[in-house]
Amino acid sequence: MEKRWLSLFVENDIGVLAKISGLFSGKAYNLESLTVGMTEDETVSRMTIRLISDDETFEQIKKQLNRCVEVIKVVDFTNTPIHMKELLFVKVRKCSKGDLDELFRIAEVFGVSITDYDKESVLMECVQTESKNNALISLLSSDFQSIEVVRGGSVAIESISITER
């Protein structure tokens, strides 16, 4: 089992997302992340999908996607250098004054934005790689008692240069 990345270019029509996600659920494939957005061409949307599967299952998934009329192009990013980011919000509650100071320092070190705060809570917004977001969650979970985590989808694009950044 390996982490896989797919980028689909699909028709920007009603029901396409439901059809594609239904294809995965109907075959009992589990998606780790699914993000959809319009491209520079308003008639085309790009779906970024992250999943874990073996080689045989992954090939079957790609074949099924290529058979869908609404799918314009399937791009396999699994063995391709990509730039990937994941949206993460973390709300830390029940903070002391010292906790607030520490959270602002952590935000600076991790390159995280503080998007909202009051005298007892902080809302952090992080757009980083999955591993950096995991490191932030791990740190905050160990140092603070009350955190709420909301993860958004991941987006990826093929690197211009050979090396992954």
Protein backbone atom coordinates (compact mmCIF):
# COMPACT_ATOMS: atom_id res chain seq x y z
CA MET A 1 0.00 0.00 0.00
CA GLU A 2 1.32 3.36 -1.06
CA LYS A 3 0.16 6.96 -0.92
CA ARG A 4 -1.06 8.00 -4.39
CA TRP A 5 -1.89 11.34 -6.00
CA LEU A 6 -4.21 11.91 -8.94
CA SER A 7 -5.12 15.09 -10.72
CA LEU A 8 -8.28 14.95 -12.82
CA PHE A 9 -9.40 17.53 -15.31
CA VAL A 10 -13.18 17.22 -15.53
CA GLU A 11 -16.11 19.04 -17.08
CA ASN A 12 -17.29 21.80 -14.78
CA ASP A 13 -20.89 20.60 -14.63
CA ILE A 14 -23.45 19.80 -11.96
CA GLY A 15 -23.15 16.24 -10.69
CA VAL A 16 -19.58 15.53 -11.83
CA LEU A 17 -18.17 15.63 -8.29
CA ALA A 18 -20.92 13.29 -7.08
CA LYS A 19 -20.28 10.90 -9.96
CA ILE A 20 -16.51 10.76 -9.39
CA SER A 21 -16.77 10.43 -5.61
CA GLY A 22 -19.51 7.83 -6.11
CA LEU A 23 -17.15 5.81 -8.26
CA PHE A 24 -14.75 5.61 -5.31
CA SER A 25 -17.38 4.84 -2.67
CA GLY A 26 -19.14 2.29 -4.89
CA LYS A 27 -15.90 0.29 -5.13
CA ALA A 28 -15.08 0.79 -1.42
CA TYR A 29 -11.97 2.87 -2.18
CA ASN A 30 -11.16 5.32 0.60
CA LEU A 31 -10.10 8.85 -0.33
CA GLU A 32 -7.74 10.61 2.07
CA SER A 33 -8.31 13.97 0.40
CA LEU A 34 -10.46 15.35 -2.41
CA THR A 35 -10.22 18.97 -3.50
CA VAL A 36 -12.01 20.53 -6.46
CA GLY A 37 -11.63 23.94 -8.06
CA MET A 38 -12.23 25.68 -11.35
CA THR A 39 -9.22 26.06 -13.66
CA GLU A 40 -8.32 29.04 -15.84
CA ASP A 41 -10.94 27.65 -18.23
CA GLU A 42 -14.31 28.06 -16.48
CA THR A 43 -15.70 24.99 -18.28
CA VAL A 44 -13.05 22.74 -16.66
CA SER A 45 -12.48 21.85 -13.00
CA ARG A 46 -9.43 20.22 -11.51
CA MET A 47 -9.82 17.52 -8.87
CA THR A 48 -6.84 16.65 -6.69
CA ILE A 49 -7.23 13.25 -5.05
CA ARG A 50 -5.03 11.58 -2.45
CA LEU A 51 -5.57 7.93 -1.60
CA ILE A 52 -3.72 4.86 -0.37
CA SER A 53 -3.80 1.74 -2.52
CA ASP A 54 -1.77 -1.09 -3.97
CA ASP A 55 -0.54 -1.04 -7.59
CA GLU A 56 -3.28 -3.27 -8.99
CA THR A 57 -6.14 -1.34 -7.37
CA PHE A 58 -4.62 1.98 -8.40
CA GLU A 59 -4.40 0.91 -12.05
CA GLN A 60 -8.03 -0.19 -11.89
CA ILE A 61 -9.04 3.21 -10.45
CA LYS A 62 -7.25 5.08 -13.24
CA LYS A 63 -8.90 2.91 -15.91
CA GLN A 64 -12.36 3.51 -14.41
CA LEU A 65 -11.75 7.26 -14.26
CA ASN A 66 -10.57 7.33 -17.88
CA ARG A 67 -13.86 5.65 -18.90
CA CYS A 68 -15.96 8.44 -17.36
CA VAL A 69 -17.28 10.75 -20.07
CA GLU A 70 -16.91 13.83 -17.84
CA VAL A 71 -13.20 13.15 -17.23
CA ILE A 72 -11.04 15.04 -19.71
CA LYS A 73 -7.63 13.92 -18.42
CA VAL A 74 -6.20 11.77 -15.60
CA VAL A 75 -2.71 12.67 -14.35
CA ASP A 76 -0.89 10.31 -11.97
CA PHE A 77 1.42 12.31 -9.67
CA THR A 78 2.51 9.30 -7.60
CA ASN A 79 6.10 9.17 -8.87
CA THR A 80 6.31 12.77 -10.06
CA PRO A 81 7.92 15.65 -8.15
CA ILE A 82 5.04 17.87 -7.02
CA HIS A 83 4.32 20.89 -4.90
CA MET A 84 1.61 19.94 -2.40
CA LYS A 85 -0.10 22.00 0.27
CA GLU A 86 -2.86 21.24 2.73
CA LEU A 87 -5.08 23.75 4.52
CA LEU A 88 -5.24 23.39 8.30
CA PHE A 89 -7.04 25.38 10.98
CA VAL A 90 -6.25 24.80 14.64
CA LYS A 91 -8.21 26.45 17.44
CA VAL A 92 -6.53 26.41 20.85
CA ARG A 93 -8.82 27.20 23.80
CA LYS A 94 -8.45 27.75 27.54
CA CYS A 95 -5.13 29.57 27.16
CA SER A 96 -3.30 31.45 29.87
CA LYS A 97 -1.39 34.66 29.04
CA GLY A 98 1.80 32.56 28.88
CA ASP A 99 0.09 30.07 26.54
CA LEU A 100 -0.93 32.89 24.21
CA ASP A 101 2.65 34.18 24.08
CA GLU A 102 3.90 30.65 23.33
CA LEU A 103 1.31 30.16 20.57
CA PHE A 104 2.41 33.38 18.87
CA ARG A 105 6.04 32.15 19.01
CA ILE A 106 5.05 28.74 17.60
CA ALA A 107 3.12 30.49 14.81
CA GLU A 108 6.20 32.49 13.88
CA VAL A 109 8.48 29.43 13.82
CA PHE A 110 6.01 27.32 11.79
CA GLY A 111 5.07 30.13 9.39
CA VAL A 112 1.46 29.98 10.59
CA SER A 113 -1.01 32.85 10.48
CA ILE A 114 -2.96 33.82 13.58
CA THR A 115 -6.31 34.66 12.00
CA ASP A 116 -8.31 35.29 15.17
CA TYR A 117 -7.73 35.45 18.92
CA ASP A 118 -9.09 36.69 22.21
CA LYS A 119 -7.80 36.57 25.79
CA GLU A 120 -8.30 32.77 26.07
CA SER A 121 -8.21 31.35 22.51
CA VAL A 122 -6.19 31.43 19.31
CA LEU A 123 -7.17 30.39 15.77
CA MET A 124 -4.22 29.39 13.59
CA GLU A 125 -4.30 28.96 9.82
CA CYS A 126 -1.61 26.85 8.21
CA VAL A 127 -1.03 26.08 4.54
CA GLN A 128 1.85 23.63 4.56
CA THR A 129 2.73 20.11 3.56
CA GLU A 130 0.94 17.28 5.32
CA SER A 131 4.06 16.40 7.34
CA LYS A 132 4.54 19.98 8.56
CA ASN A 133 0.85 20.19 9.50
CA ASN A 134 1.18 16.86 11.35
CA ALA A 135 4.20 18.21 13.25
CA LEU A 136 2.25 21.31 14.29
CA ILE A 137 -0.72 19.23 15.46
CA SER A 138 1.58 16.91 17.40
CA LEU A 139 3.29 19.84 19.14
CA LEU A 140 0.04 21.59 20.00
CA SER A 141 -1.61 18.35 21.19
CA SER A 142 1.24 17.66 23.57
CA ASP A 143 1.52 21.22 24.94
CA PHE A 144 -2.11 22.37 25.11
CA GLN A 145 -5.20 20.70 26.58
CA SER A 146 -8.00 21.96 24.35
CA ILE A 147 -7.42 22.01 20.61
CA GLU A 148 -9.80 21.65 17.67
CA VAL A 149 -8.39 20.64 14.29
CA VAL A 150 -10.00 21.18 10.88
CA ARG A 151 -8.11 19.91 7.84
CA GLY A 152 -9.03 20.97 4.34
CA GLY A 153 -8.18 19.22 1.16
CA SER A 154 -4.74 19.03 -0.34
CA VAL A 155 -3.82 20.50 -3.68
CA ALA A 156 -0.86 19.51 -5.81
CA ILE A 157 0.78 20.61 -9.02
CA GLU A 158 3.68 19.13 -10.94
CA SER A 159 7.04 20.74 -10.24
CA ILE A 160 8.69 22.83 -12.93
CA SER A 161 12.15 21.73 -11.90
CA ILE A 162 13.19 18.14 -11.23
CA THR A 163 13.39 18.44 -7.45
CA GLU A 164 10.38 18.42 -5.14
CA ARG A 165 9.92 21.50 -2.95
